[in-house]
């Protein structure tokens, strides 16, 4: 059975499974692509794809996530992105978890 994992990223914290990494507070598209997509997500995404089958990446509507260069990076690296309509917090599974993450940190 294929299991789909939804990986979410915020502009301050990167959360993958049990690992939380702090990244730059001023997240530009360039920083997002280097610090998050290249240095953290890429290897993790493909590792989980091999282990679990289909993996779908989800990000919110932050400017660094919507940038044309970020979309091009995701397409160039063949990462499947979960479609997330603008202004739809009801579809975001990460929102209820932020309080818990802030308490832990």
Foldseek 3Di string as FASTA:
>chain_A
DADEDEAEDDLAWGDDPPDIDGADNPDALVRCCVVPVPPPNLVVLVVCCVVGNHYEYEYADPPSCPDPVNVVSCVVSVHHYDDDDHPDVVPDPCVVVPVVVVVVD
